[in-house]
C-alpha atoms as a PDB file:
ATOM      1  CA  MET A   1     -26.980 -48.777 -39.745  1.00  0.00           C
ATOM      2  CA  SER A   2     -30.095 -46.650 -39.398  1.00  0.00           C
ATOM      3  CA  LEU A   3     -29.944 -42.869 -39.516  1.00  0.00           C
ATOM      4  CA  GLU A   4     -31.077 -42.668 -35.866  1.00  0.00           C
ATOM      5  CA  LYS A   5     -28.294 -44.985 -34.661  1.00  0.00           C
ATOM      6  CA  GLU A   6     -25.727 -43.069 -36.712  1.00  0.00           C
ATOM      7  CA  CYS A   7     -26.816 -39.738 -35.171  1.00  0.00           C
ATOM      8  CA  THR A   8     -26.704 -41.243 -31.682  1.00  0.00           C
ATOM      9  CA  HIS A   9     -23.212 -42.598 -32.351  1.00  0.00           C
ATOM     10  CA  HIS A  10     -21.989 -39.161 -33.526  1.00  0.00           C
ATOM     11  CA  LYS A  11     -23.481 -37.447 -30.465  1.00  0.00           C
ATOM     12  CA  GLU A  12     -21.797 -39.874 -28.076  1.00  0.00           C
ATOM     13  CA  LYS A  13     -18.484 -39.461 -29.882  1.00  0.00           C
ATOM     14  CA  LYS A  14     -18.808 -35.674 -29.662  1.00  0.00           C
ATOM     15  CA  LYS A  15     -19.608 -35.905 -25.932  1.00  0.00           C
ATOM     16  CA  ARG A  16     -16.515 -38.074 -25.347  1.00  0.00           C
ATOM     17  CA  ILE A  17     -14.306 -35.545 -27.176  1.00  0.00           C
ATOM     18  CA  ILE A  18     -15.739 -32.641 -25.170  1.00  0.00           C
ATOM     19  CA  TRP A  19     -15.336 -34.580 -21.909  1.00  0.00           C
ATOM     20  CA  ARG A  20     -11.702 -35.393 -22.733  1.00  0.00           C
ATOM     21  CA  LEU A  21     -10.988 -31.741 -23.579  1.00  0.00           C
ATOM     22  CA  CYS A  22     -12.559 -30.564 -20.315  1.00  0.00           C
ATOM     23  CA  ALA A  23     -10.695 -33.216 -18.324  1.00  0.00           C
ATOM     24  CA  GLY A  24      -7.427 -32.264 -20.006  1.00  0.00           C
ATOM     25  CA  LEU A  25      -8.023 -28.571 -19.283  1.00  0.00           C
ATOM     26  CA  ILE A  26      -8.788 -29.274 -15.626  1.00  0.00           C
ATOM     27  CA  ILE A  27      -5.659 -31.406 -15.251  1.00  0.00           C
ATOM     28  CA  PHE A  28      -3.520 -28.753 -16.977  1.00  0.00           C
ATOM     29  CA  ASN A  29      -4.862 -25.985 -14.703  1.00  0.00           C
ATOM     30  CA  PHE A  30      -4.324 -28.170 -11.631  1.00  0.00           C
ATOM     31  CA  ILE A  31      -0.706 -28.869 -12.585  1.00  0.00           C
ATOM     32  CA  LEU A  32      -0.112 -25.178 -13.346  1.00  0.00           C
ATOM     33  CA  LEU A  33      -1.604 -24.122 -10.001  1.00  0.00           C
ATOM     34  CA  LEU A  34       0.417 -26.763  -8.172  1.00  0.00           C
ATOM     35  CA  LEU A  35       3.590 -25.565  -9.896  1.00  0.00           C
ATOM     36  CA  ILE A  36       2.900 -21.950  -8.927  1.00  0.00           C
ATOM     37  CA  LEU A  37       2.247 -22.960  -5.313  1.00  0.00           C
ATOM     38  CA  LEU A  38       5.465 -24.980  -5.196  1.00  0.00           C
ATOM     39  CA  ILE A  39       7.481 -22.055  -6.602  1.00  0.00           C
ATOM     40  CA  TRP A  40       5.796 -19.710  -4.117  1.00  0.00           C
ATOM     41  CA  ALA A  41       6.611 -22.068  -1.229  1.00  0.00           C
ATOM     42  CA  VAL A  42      10.265 -22.311  -2.276  1.00  0.00           C
ATOM     43  CA  LEU A  43      10.692 -18.556  -2.777  1.00  0.00           C
ATOM     44  CA  GLN A  44       8.745 -17.620   0.376  1.00  0.00           C
ATOM     45  CA  PRO A  45       7.891 -14.045  -0.631  1.00  0.00           C
ATOM     46  CA  LYS A  46       8.038 -11.469   2.151  1.00  0.00           C
ATOM     47  CA  LYS A  47       6.100  -8.240   2.445  1.00  0.00           C
ATOM     48  CA  PRO A  48       8.012  -5.019   1.716  1.00  0.00           C
ATOM     49  CA  ARG A  49       9.173  -3.102   4.756  1.00  0.00           C
ATOM     50  CA  PHE A  50       8.271   0.551   5.348  1.00  0.00           C
ATOM     51  CA  ILE A  51       9.707   2.977   7.909  1.00  0.00           C
ATOM     52  CA  LEU A  52       8.492   6.517   8.529  1.00  0.00           C
ATOM     53  CA  GLN A  53      11.831   8.242   9.033  1.00  0.00           C
ATOM     54  CA  ASP A  54      10.749  11.821   9.716  1.00  0.00           C
ATOM     55  CA  ALA A  55       8.033  14.443   9.313  1.00  0.00           C
ATOM     56  CA  THR A  56       8.575  18.122   8.532  1.00  0.00           C
ATOM     57  CA  VAL A  57       5.652  20.290   9.615  1.00  0.00           C
ATOM     58  CA  PHE A  58       5.264  23.525   7.650  1.00  0.00           C
ATOM     59  CA  ASN A  59       1.689  24.290   8.620  1.00  0.00           C
ATOM     60  CA  PHE A  60      -0.877  22.690  10.896  1.00  0.00           C
ATOM     61  CA  ASN A  61      -3.727  24.951  11.887  1.00  0.00           C
ATOM     62  CA  VAL A  62      -7.278  24.378  13.098  1.00  0.00           C
ATOM     63  CA  SER A  63      -8.755  27.725  12.018  1.00  0.00           C
ATOM     64  CA  ALA A  64     -12.324  26.938  13.019  1.00  0.00           C
ATOM     65  CA  PRO A  65     -13.894  24.235  15.184  1.00  0.00           C
ATOM     66  CA  ASN A  66     -13.827  21.793  12.262  1.00  0.00           C
ATOM     67  CA  ILE A  67     -11.594  23.262   9.519  1.00  0.00           C
ATOM     68  CA  LEU A  68      -7.964  22.111   9.175  1.00  0.00           C
ATOM     69  CA  THR A  69      -5.158  23.422   6.984  1.00  0.00           C
ATOM     70  CA  SER A  70      -1.949  21.409   6.963  1.00  0.00           C
ATOM     71  CA  SER A  71       1.306  20.985   5.059  1.00  0.00           C
ATOM     72  CA  ILE A  72       3.623  18.150   6.079  1.00  0.00           C
ATOM     73  CA  GLN A  73       6.508  16.492   4.259  1.00  0.00           C
ATOM     74  CA  VAL A  74       7.260  12.921   5.285  1.00  0.00           C
ATOM     75  CA  THR A  75      10.221  10.695   4.468  1.00  0.00           C
ATOM     76  CA  ILE A  76       9.328   7.054   3.870  1.00  0.00           C
ATOM     77  CA  TYR A  77      11.940   4.317   3.626  1.00  0.00           C
ATOM     78  CA  SER A  78      10.906   1.242   1.624  1.00  0.00           C
ATOM     79  CA  ARG A  79      12.913  -1.989   1.353  1.00  0.00           C
ATOM     80  CA  ASN A  80      12.318  -5.200  -0.587  1.00  0.00           C
ATOM     81  CA  PRO A  81      13.497  -8.009   1.781  1.00  0.00           C
ATOM     82  CA  ASN A  82      13.332 -10.702  -0.915  1.00  0.00           C
ATOM     83  CA  ASP A  83      16.521 -11.905  -2.601  1.00  0.00           C
ATOM     84  CA  LYS A  84      14.759 -13.648  -5.523  1.00  0.00           C
ATOM     85  CA  ILE A  85      11.613 -11.572  -6.021  1.00  0.00           C
ATOM     86  CA  GLY A  86      11.244  -8.057  -7.415  1.00  0.00           C
ATOM     87  CA  ILE A  87       8.323  -5.774  -6.584  1.00  0.00           C
ATOM     88  CA  TYR A  88       6.435  -3.519  -8.975  1.00  0.00           C
ATOM     89  CA  TYR A  89       4.699  -0.702  -7.105  1.00  0.00           C
ATOM     90  CA  ASP A  90       1.746   0.669  -9.011  1.00  0.00           C
ATOM     91  CA  LYS A  91       0.748   4.203  -8.076  1.00  0.00           C
ATOM     92  CA  LEU A  92       0.867   4.584  -4.301  1.00  0.00           C
ATOM     93  CA  ASP A  93      -1.291   7.124  -2.463  1.00  0.00           C
ATOM     94  CA  VAL A  94      -0.014   8.697   0.761  1.00  0.00           C
ATOM     95  CA  TYR A  95      -2.243  10.584   3.184  1.00  0.00           C
ATOM     96  CA  ALA A  96      -2.702  11.359   6.875  1.00  0.00           C
ATOM     97  CA  THR A  97      -5.485  10.320   9.217  1.00  0.00           C
ATOM     98  CA  TYR A  98      -6.475  11.366  12.713  1.00  0.00           C
ATOM     99  CA  ASN A  99      -8.768   9.195  14.831  1.00  0.00           C
ATOM    100  CA  ASN A 100      -9.529   7.139  11.688  1.00  0.00           C
ATOM    101  CA  GLN A 101     -10.582  10.235   9.714  1.00  0.00           C
ATOM    102  CA  GLN A 102      -8.654  11.274   6.593  1.00  0.00           C
ATOM    103  CA  ILE A 103      -7.425  14.843   7.128  1.00  0.00           C
ATOM    104  CA  THR A 104      -5.275  15.442   4.009  1.00  0.00           C
ATOM    105  CA  TYR A 105      -5.603  14.887   0.280  1.00  0.00           C
ATOM    106  CA  TYR A 106      -4.032  11.916  -1.467  1.00  0.00           C
ATOM    107  CA  THR A 107      -0.471  12.436  -2.686  1.00  0.00           C
ATOM    108  CA  ALA A 108       0.628  10.040  -5.447  1.00  0.00           C
ATOM    109  CA  ILE A 109       4.015   8.338  -5.541  1.00  0.00           C
ATOM    110  CA  PRO A 110       4.825   7.380  -9.166  1.00  0.00           C
ATOM    111  CA  SER A 111       5.038   3.727 -10.164  1.00  0.00           C
ATOM    112  CA  VAL A 112       8.451   2.166  -9.564  1.00  0.00           C
ATOM    113  CA  TYR A 113      10.182  -1.217  -9.705  1.00  0.00           C
ATOM    114  CA  GLN A 114      12.111  -2.360  -6.632  1.00  0.00           C
ATOM    115  CA  GLY A 115      14.675  -5.052  -7.293  1.00  0.00           C
ATOM    116  CA  HIS A 116      15.971  -7.767  -4.960  1.00  0.00           C
ATOM    117  CA  LYS A 117      16.995  -6.290  -1.587  1.00  0.00           C
ATOM    118  CA  ASP A 118      16.662  -2.794  -3.084  1.00  0.00           C
ATOM    119  CA  VAL A 119      15.744   0.337  -1.129  1.00  0.00           C
ATOM    120  CA  ASN A 120      13.662   3.359  -2.126  1.00  0.00           C
ATOM    121  CA  VAL A 121      13.251   6.580  -0.166  1.00  0.00           C
ATOM    122  CA  TRP A 122      10.267   8.837  -0.901  1.00  0.00           C
ATOM    123  CA  SER A 123       9.647  12.338   0.460  1.00  0.00           C
ATOM    124  CA  PRO A 124       6.090  13.318  -0.523  1.00  0.00           C
ATOM    125  CA  PHE A 125       4.217  16.381   0.711  1.00  0.00           C
ATOM    126  CA  ILE A 126       0.812  15.629   2.198  1.00  0.00           C
ATOM    127  CA  LEU A 127      -1.451  18.652   2.166  1.00  0.00           C
ATOM    128  CA  GLY A 128      -4.884  19.727   3.273  1.00  0.00           C
ATOM    129  CA  ASN A 129      -6.330  23.167   2.558  1.00  0.00           C
ATOM    130  CA  ASN A 130      -9.472  24.049   4.541  1.00  0.00           C
ATOM    131  CA  VAL A 131     -10.373  20.388   5.011  1.00  0.00           C
ATOM    132  CA  PRO A 132     -13.611  19.829   6.976  1.00  0.00           C
ATOM    133  CA  ILE A 133     -13.110  17.469   9.900  1.00  0.00           C
ATOM    134  CA  ALA A 134     -15.421  16.023  12.508  1.00  0.00           C
ATOM    135  CA  PRO A 135     -16.157  18.610  15.242  1.00  0.00           C
ATOM    136  CA  TYR A 136     -14.869  16.313  17.992  1.00  0.00           C
ATOM    137  CA  ASN A 137     -11.607  15.859  16.045  1.00  0.00           C
ATOM    138  CA  GLY A 138     -11.258  19.629  15.735  1.00  0.00           C
ATOM    139  CA  VAL A 139     -11.552  19.985  19.504  1.00  0.00           C
ATOM    140  CA  GLN A 140      -9.131  17.123  20.118  1.00  0.00           C
ATOM    141  CA  LEU A 141      -6.571  18.448  17.604  1.00  0.00           C
ATOM    142  CA  THR A 142      -6.628  21.851  19.277  1.00  0.00           C
ATOM    143  CA  SER A 143      -6.078  20.146  22.621  1.00  0.00           C
ATOM    144  CA  ASP A 144      -3.224  18.025  21.211  1.00  0.00           C
ATOM    145  CA  GLN A 145      -1.492  21.124  19.849  1.00  0.00           C
ATOM    146  CA  SER A 146      -1.801  22.827  23.227  1.00  0.00           C
ATOM    147  CA  ASN A 147      -0.332  19.754  24.909  1.00  0.00           C
ATOM    148  CA  GLY A 148       2.479  19.569  22.344  1.00  0.00           C
ATOM    149  CA  ALA A 149       1.827  16.035  21.111  1.00  0.00           C
ATOM    150  CA  LEU A 150       0.216  15.493  17.724  1.00  0.00           C
ATOM    151  CA  GLN A 151      -0.575  11.851  16.987  1.00  0.00           C
ATOM    152  CA  LEU A 152      -1.256  11.097  13.326  1.00  0.00           C
ATOM    153  CA  THR A 153      -1.259   7.963  11.204  1.00  0.00           C
ATOM    154  CA  ILE A 154       0.458   8.223   7.809  1.00  0.00           C
ATOM    155  CA  LYS A 155      -1.124   5.721   5.438  1.00  0.00           C
ATOM    156  CA  ILE A 156      -0.012   4.294   2.094  1.00  0.00           C
ATOM    157  CA  ASP A 157      -2.459   2.593  -0.261  1.00  0.00           C
ATOM    158  CA  GLY A 158      -1.629   1.089  -3.632  1.00  0.00           C
ATOM    159  CA  ARG A 159      -1.100  -2.012  -5.736  1.00  0.00           C
ATOM    160  CA  VAL A 160       1.935  -4.276  -6.074  1.00  0.00           C
ATOM    161  CA  LYS A 161       2.985  -7.033  -8.465  1.00  0.00           C
ATOM    162  CA  TRP A 162       5.631  -9.689  -7.797  1.00  0.00           C
ATOM    163  CA  LYS A 163       8.301 -10.440 -10.413  1.00  0.00           C
ATOM    164  CA  VAL A 164      10.189 -13.743 -10.492  1.00  0.00           C
ATOM    165  CA  GLY A 165      12.447 -14.080 -13.522  1.00  0.00           C
ATOM    166  CA  THR A 166      10.231 -13.298 -16.503  1.00  0.00           C
ATOM    167  CA  PHE A 167       7.014 -14.103 -14.605  1.00  0.00           C
ATOM    168  CA  THR A 168       4.943 -11.201 -13.225  1.00  0.00           C
ATOM    169  CA  SER A 169       2.005 -11.856 -10.942  1.00  0.00           C
ATOM    170  CA  GLY A 170      -1.356 -10.136 -10.876  1.00  0.00           C
ATOM    171  CA  ARG A 171      -1.954  -7.045  -8.762  1.00  0.00           C
ATOM    172  CA  TYR A 172      -2.268  -7.236  -4.991  1.00  0.00           C
ATOM    173  CA  HIS A 173      -3.570  -4.487  -2.747  1.00  0.00           C
ATOM    174  CA  LEU A 174      -0.970  -3.005  -0.409  1.00  0.00           C
ATOM    175  CA  HIS A 175      -1.792  -1.046   2.704  1.00  0.00           C
ATOM    176  CA  ALA A 176       0.730   0.435   5.151  1.00  0.00           C
ATOM    177  CA  ALA A 177       0.011   2.386   8.327  1.00  0.00           C
ATOM    178  CA  CYS A 178       2.742   4.400  10.062  1.00  0.00           C
ATOM    179  CA  TRP A 179       2.125   5.866  13.497  1.00  0.00           C
ATOM    180  CA  ALA A 180       3.564   9.371  13.901  1.00  0.00           C
ATOM    181  CA  ASN A 181       3.882  11.020  17.306  1.00  0.00           C
ATOM    182  CA  ILE A 182       4.945  14.572  16.443  1.00  0.00           C
ATOM    183  CA  PRO A 183       6.028  16.749  19.418  1.00  0.00           C
ATOM    184  CA  LEU A 184       4.799  20.058  18.010  1.00  0.00           C
ATOM    185  CA  GLY A 185       5.028  21.833  21.338  1.00  0.00           C
ATOM    186  CA  ASN A 186       8.760  21.166  21.723  1.00  0.00           C
ATOM    187  CA  ARG A 187      10.634  22.860  18.883  1.00  0.00           C
ATOM    188  CA  GLY A 188      13.895  21.898  20.583  1.00  0.00           C
ATOM    189  CA  THR A 189      13.375  18.296  19.515  1.00  0.00           C
ATOM    190  CA  GLY A 190      13.141  19.296  15.844  1.00  0.00           C
ATOM    191  CA  ILE A 191      15.400  20.791  13.185  1.00  0.00           C
ATOM    192  CA  SER A 192      14.523  24.001  11.375  1.00  0.00           C
ATOM    193  CA  VAL A 193      14.045  23.437   7.630  1.00  0.00           C
ATOM    194  CA  GLY A 194      13.080  26.719   5.973  1.00  0.00           C
ATOM    195  CA  THR A 195       9.708  27.639   7.419  1.00  0.00           C
ATOM    196  CA  GLY A 196       9.154  24.140   8.816  1.00  0.00           C
ATOM    197  CA  ILE A 197      10.366  21.975  11.667  1.00  0.00           C
ATOM    198  CA  LYS A 198      11.636  18.453  10.965  1.00  0.00           C
ATOM    199  CA  TYR A 199      11.028  15.764  13.585  1.00  0.00           C
ATOM    200  CA  GLN A 200      12.926  12.461  13.490  1.00  0.00           C
ATOM    201  CA  LEU A 201      10.562   9.528  14.001  1.00  0.00           C
ATOM    202  CA  SER A 202      12.116   6.241  12.726  1.00  0.00           C
ATOM    203  CA  GLN A 203       8.770   4.500  13.123  1.00  0.00           C
ATOM    204  CA  SER A 204       8.200   1.051  11.584  1.00  0.00           C
ATOM    205  CA  CYS A 205       4.960   0.744   9.620  1.00  0.00           C
ATOM    206  CA  ARG A 206       2.401  -2.049   9.688  1.00  0.00           C
ATOM    207  CA  VAL A 207       2.143  -3.549   6.190  1.00  0.00           C
ATOM    208  CA  SER A 208      -0.646  -5.777   4.901  1.00  0.00           C
ATOM    209  CA  LEU A 209      -1.277  -7.329   1.488  1.00  0.00           C
END
């Protein structure tokens, strides 16, 4: 056998080995993906449920046409509806928006694991000290306060991981939006809590993953 034929034979053999390895890897990944999809279909994971239970307003003041100072404590109920899947919440950020503009700072809720059918209740303070807001929002907020109906959206942003047995998934973005209609002008509908007024809301939140 000539040297040229021997080299050609070795190259073809090497190509066959590489092709078989690639084919085997593709088949393995396909089977693994199919297995994960089958498990996912059987378990049918459901999104966590959030409810904005109440809001306690300690301070909410538009001191200039576009400067807002606020201090609100909210109570958020969170439930894992899955009976076979646990949920890892990475750090969650809670904040308030008005007319799609963020009007408070982020408040972090520490990471926590939520087991099957478990419930967590969080009561973070969301604050804003001399926060600049759009001039038209300043005018509208002043009008809302005069009319006694403050309409905010409490938002929750973070990351979650699913846990099934010993398997833990990658991170998924979680976003929840809770509509809060706070009757500031009617103190009779609230409960005095120190220097604040607590308003019961019991508002379901829209959750997306």
